[in-house]
Each structure stands twice: as C-alpha cells, then as structure tokens.
Amino acid sequence: MVQVADRLVVEPVRRAPAAPAEEAAARRSLRDQIARLERQLADAVVSTFPHGTLDVAVPGLGGPRLLDLGELERLRDDLADRLGGARAALTALAERREEAQRLLEAMVADPARHRFVRLPRAELGLPGCGAYEVRPRLGLVGVLAGWWHVKLSSGCPLPGRGEPAAISSPAWAAAAANAP
C-alpha cells in the first residue's frame, strides 16, 4: 500500500490469475484481432502499390516464443496504431492526387493561365515517368501570340552515353574457369 498526499491511499493493481479456459479464450480473441489488423494493414500496403510505400514493419518481440496476454495486447495496440497511421497516409495521398487531377483539368481548360507548369504523372498516380506540361505552340512565336497548349512528354529519358555495362559472369562460369 502506498500513501500519497497524506490522505489518498492507492493500492497496486494485481491481476488475479485467470482460469486456463478464460485465458485460452482471451488469447484466441487477441490472436483473431491481431490477424484482422494484419490483414487490414496488408490491404493498405497493397493499395499503394506500385507508386507508394508505407512503413508497416512490425518489430520482433525477442524471437520465437509464446506471448503472454500483456504482450499480445501491446502487439494488438501497436498494430492498431500502425493501421491508423497507414490510413492517414493513404488519405493524404488521395487528397494530393485529387489536387493534382484538379490542376491538370485547370491546365487543360486554360493553358495560358498556367504557363510552363509541369505536372509529373506520378503525382496523378499514373505509371510511367512522363509529365504534363504547358508549352507555347511554335516556340517564341507562340509565346508572343499567346498560343499555349498542354503537352504530355514522351516518357522516361533515354539513358545517357557512357561506358557499356560490364558483363557479369554467373557464379558457375567462374567455378568452371577455376576447375582443373
């Protein structure tokens, strides 16, 4: 018993040992909740593929062993927190993509108002490395005349000139060369 502030008496909380049947039911319930949270977390990761990443790593709890009820509860709470963070990140990603889509629609509707604006396809959640860009028609003549249009770039840049890639030989080729 601990006395606090000369009048308030606080006793430490002690859990009564649970009956084996009650503990087994509690463990089963916690394992079911953990499995459901892991599935929802996996669905959140899959929904961002291939354009986004979410950090959903679950740290190990000291190697393979049977977790007690307290550790299962902590694991469940940790997974629930991670799922909440993943859902918040997905919501932010969806809002950013909607904003990019609105910008693209505004660029197409009034290109002269969005001169030289560049919007990568990745911001829209589209595959590839192209970008939508407001450019003048006919170069300098288009700039002077106010002729603007939205152009989609051709995609990924070509690889630069340089040394050819080194040819790596497989491990079996090195072993065969060293054989007697």
Protein backbone atom coordinates (compact mmCIF):
# COMPACT_ATOMS: atom_id res chain seq x y z
CA MET A 1 0.00 0.00 0.00
CA VAL A 2 1.34 3.43 -0.95
CA GLN A 3 0.24 6.64 0.75
CA VAL A 4 0.03 9.74 -1.44
CA ALA A 5 -0.71 13.32 -0.30
CA ASP A 6 -1.21 12.21 3.32
CA ARG A 7 -4.83 11.18 2.71
CA LEU A 8 -5.18 9.33 -0.55
CA VAL A 9 -4.30 5.68 -0.35
CA VAL A 10 -3.51 3.86 -3.59
CA GLU A 11 -3.06 0.14 -3.75
CA PRO A 12 -1.11 -1.50 -6.58
CA VAL A 13 -3.34 -3.30 -9.05
CA ARG A 14 -2.80 -7.03 -9.10
CA ARG A 15 -4.42 -9.28 -11.61
CA ALA A 16 -5.95 -12.43 -10.32
CA PRO A 17 -4.66 -15.45 -12.16
CA ALA A 18 -7.14 -16.30 -14.90
CA ALA A 19 -8.59 -19.71 -15.26
CA PRO A 20 -6.99 -21.70 -18.11
CA ALA A 21 -10.21 -21.69 -20.12
CA GLU A 22 -10.63 -17.91 -19.73
CA GLU A 23 -7.00 -17.29 -20.65
CA ALA A 24 -7.29 -19.51 -23.72
CA ALA A 25 -10.41 -17.63 -24.85
CA ALA A 26 -8.68 -14.28 -24.29
CA ARG A 27 -5.63 -15.45 -26.25
CA ARG A 28 -7.82 -16.69 -29.11
CA SER A 29 -9.70 -13.39 -29.20
CA LEU A 30 -6.46 -11.36 -29.21
CA ARG A 31 -4.93 -13.55 -31.95
CA ASP A 32 -8.08 -13.07 -34.06
CA GLN A 33 -7.90 -9.30 -33.56
CA ILE A 34 -4.19 -9.28 -34.46
CA ALA A 35 -4.83 -11.34 -37.61
CA ARG A 36 -7.63 -8.94 -38.67
CA LEU A 37 -5.39 -5.91 -38.10
CA GLU A 38 -2.53 -7.53 -40.04
CA ARG A 39 -4.88 -8.22 -42.99
CA GLN A 40 -6.12 -4.62 -42.96
CA LEU A 41 -2.54 -3.36 -42.79
CA ALA A 42 -1.56 -5.59 -45.72
CA ASP A 43 -4.53 -4.26 -47.71
CA ALA A 44 -3.34 -0.71 -47.04
CA VAL A 45 0.15 -1.58 -48.33
CA VAL A 46 -1.23 -3.28 -51.44
CA SER A 47 -3.47 -0.32 -52.25
CA THR A 48 -0.42 1.96 -52.62
CA PHE A 49 1.48 -0.44 -54.88
CA PRO A 50 3.44 0.29 -57.11
CA HIS A 51 3.56 4.07 -56.70
CA GLY A 52 3.80 4.47 -52.97
CA THR A 53 5.29 2.92 -49.90
CA LEU A 54 4.10 2.66 -46.34
CA ASP A 55 6.27 1.78 -43.37
CA VAL A 56 4.38 -1.04 -41.71
CA ALA A 57 7.24 -3.08 -40.29
CA VAL A 58 6.36 -4.91 -37.10
CA PRO A 59 9.36 -5.33 -34.82
CA GLY A 60 10.16 -8.74 -33.42
CA LEU A 61 9.47 -9.34 -29.76
CA GLY A 62 12.60 -11.22 -28.80
CA GLY A 63 12.46 -14.23 -31.07
CA PRO A 64 10.01 -17.08 -31.42
CA ARG A 65 8.09 -17.71 -28.22
CA LEU A 66 4.61 -17.82 -26.82
CA LEU A 67 3.44 -14.31 -25.95
CA ASP A 68 1.59 -13.68 -22.73
CA LEU A 69 -1.66 -11.69 -22.62
CA GLY A 70 0.06 -8.38 -21.92
CA GLU A 71 2.41 -8.79 -24.89
CA LEU A 72 -0.48 -9.78 -27.16
CA GLU A 73 -2.39 -6.67 -26.07
CA ARG A 74 0.65 -4.46 -26.73
CA LEU A 75 1.10 -6.06 -30.16
CA ARG A 76 -2.58 -5.50 -30.96
CA ASP A 77 -2.38 -1.86 -29.84
CA ASP A 78 0.81 -1.32 -31.86
CA LEU A 79 -0.83 -2.78 -34.97
CA ALA A 80 -3.90 -0.59 -34.45
CA ASP A 81 -1.65 2.49 -34.22
CA ARG A 82 0.23 1.48 -37.38
CA LEU A 83 -3.05 0.90 -39.21
CA GLY A 84 -4.27 4.34 -38.18
CA GLY A 85 -1.04 5.88 -39.47
CA ALA A 86 -1.29 3.95 -42.73
CA ARG A 87 -4.88 5.08 -43.26
CA ALA A 88 -3.88 8.69 -42.58
CA ALA A 89 -1.05 8.41 -45.11
CA LEU A 90 -3.45 6.91 -47.69
CA THR A 91 -5.91 9.74 -47.10
CA ALA A 92 -3.15 12.33 -47.58
CA LEU A 93 -2.02 10.56 -50.78
CA ALA A 94 -5.58 10.50 -52.14
CA GLU A 95 -6.01 14.22 -51.38
CA ARG A 96 -2.72 15.04 -53.11
CA ARG A 97 -3.76 13.04 -56.19
CA GLU A 98 -7.17 14.75 -56.29
CA GLU A 99 -5.45 18.13 -56.10
CA ALA A 100 -3.12 17.12 -58.95
CA GLN A 101 -6.12 15.98 -61.01
CA ARG A 102 -7.84 19.34 -60.45
CA LEU A 103 -4.65 21.12 -61.51
CA LEU A 104 -4.47 19.05 -64.71
CA GLU A 105 -8.09 19.86 -65.52
CA ALA A 106 -7.40 23.57 -64.94
CA MET A 107 -4.29 23.37 -67.15
CA VAL A 108 -6.31 21.84 -69.98
CA ALA A 109 -9.17 24.31 -69.54
CA ASP A 110 -6.96 27.44 -69.53
CA PRO A 111 -3.34 26.77 -70.60
CA ALA A 112 -2.44 30.48 -70.89
CA ARG A 113 -3.08 30.92 -67.19
CA HIS A 114 -0.73 28.04 -66.29
CA ARG A 115 2.33 28.92 -68.38
CA PHE A 116 5.22 26.44 -68.05
CA VAL A 117 3.51 24.43 -65.28
CA ARG A 118 4.77 20.86 -65.18
CA LEU A 119 2.82 18.02 -63.56
CA PRO A 120 4.50 14.58 -63.33
CA ARG A 121 2.34 11.52 -63.99
CA ALA A 122 3.44 10.05 -60.67
CA GLU A 123 1.59 12.87 -58.87
CA LEU A 124 -1.60 11.67 -60.57
CA GLY A 125 -0.90 8.06 -59.58
CA LEU A 126 -0.28 7.04 -63.20
CA PRO A 127 2.51 4.67 -64.25
CA GLY A 128 5.46 5.85 -66.28
CA CYS A 129 7.73 8.84 -65.96
CA GLY A 130 6.10 11.31 -68.31
CA ALA A 131 4.79 14.72 -67.34
CA TYR A 132 2.04 17.08 -68.46
CA GLU A 133 3.47 20.48 -69.28
CA VAL A 134 2.00 23.73 -70.58
CA ARG A 135 4.16 24.82 -73.53
CA PRO A 136 3.84 27.55 -76.15
CA ARG A 137 2.87 26.47 -79.66
CA LEU A 138 5.56 27.25 -82.23
CA GLY A 139 8.13 28.29 -79.63
CA LEU A 140 8.80 32.02 -79.36
CA VAL A 141 6.02 32.85 -81.83
CA GLY A 142 3.54 31.07 -79.53
CA VAL A 143 4.84 32.98 -76.51
CA LEU A 144 4.37 36.32 -78.27
CA ALA A 145 0.98 35.39 -79.72
CA GLY A 146 -0.32 33.76 -76.51
CA TRP A 147 -0.76 30.30 -78.05
CA TRP A 148 -0.40 27.77 -75.24
CA HIS A 149 -1.25 24.07 -75.03
CA VAL A 150 -0.80 21.12 -72.66
CA LYS A 151 1.70 18.58 -73.87
CA LEU A 152 2.41 15.13 -72.48
CA SER A 153 6.10 14.32 -72.53
CA SER A 154 7.17 11.14 -74.27
CA GLY A 155 8.08 9.35 -71.06
CA CYS A 156 11.29 8.29 -69.44
CA PRO A 157 14.52 9.94 -70.57
CA LEU A 158 16.89 7.90 -72.68
CA PRO A 159 19.99 6.59 -70.96
CA GLY A 160 22.98 8.85 -71.37
CA ARG A 161 26.05 7.97 -73.36
CA GLY A 162 28.78 6.33 -71.43
CA GLU A 163 30.68 3.18 -70.94
CA PRO A 164 28.89 -0.03 -71.84
CA ALA A 165 27.56 -2.05 -68.95
CA ALA A 166 30.00 -4.55 -67.52
CA ILE A 167 29.12 -8.11 -68.36
CA SER A 168 28.95 -10.09 -65.17
CA SER A 169 29.52 -13.77 -65.49
CA PRO A 170 27.42 -16.16 -63.45
CA ALA A 171 28.96 -17.98 -60.49
CA TRP A 172 29.05 -21.27 -62.36
CA ALA A 173 31.21 -19.70 -65.10
CA ALA A 174 33.80 -18.58 -62.54
CA ALA A 175 33.79 -22.03 -60.95
CA ALA A 176 34.21 -23.69 -64.36
CA ALA A 177 37.14 -21.41 -65.22
CA ASN A 178 38.94 -22.35 -62.00
CA ALA A 179 38.27 -26.08 -62.36
CA PRO A 180 41.28 -28.36 -63.20
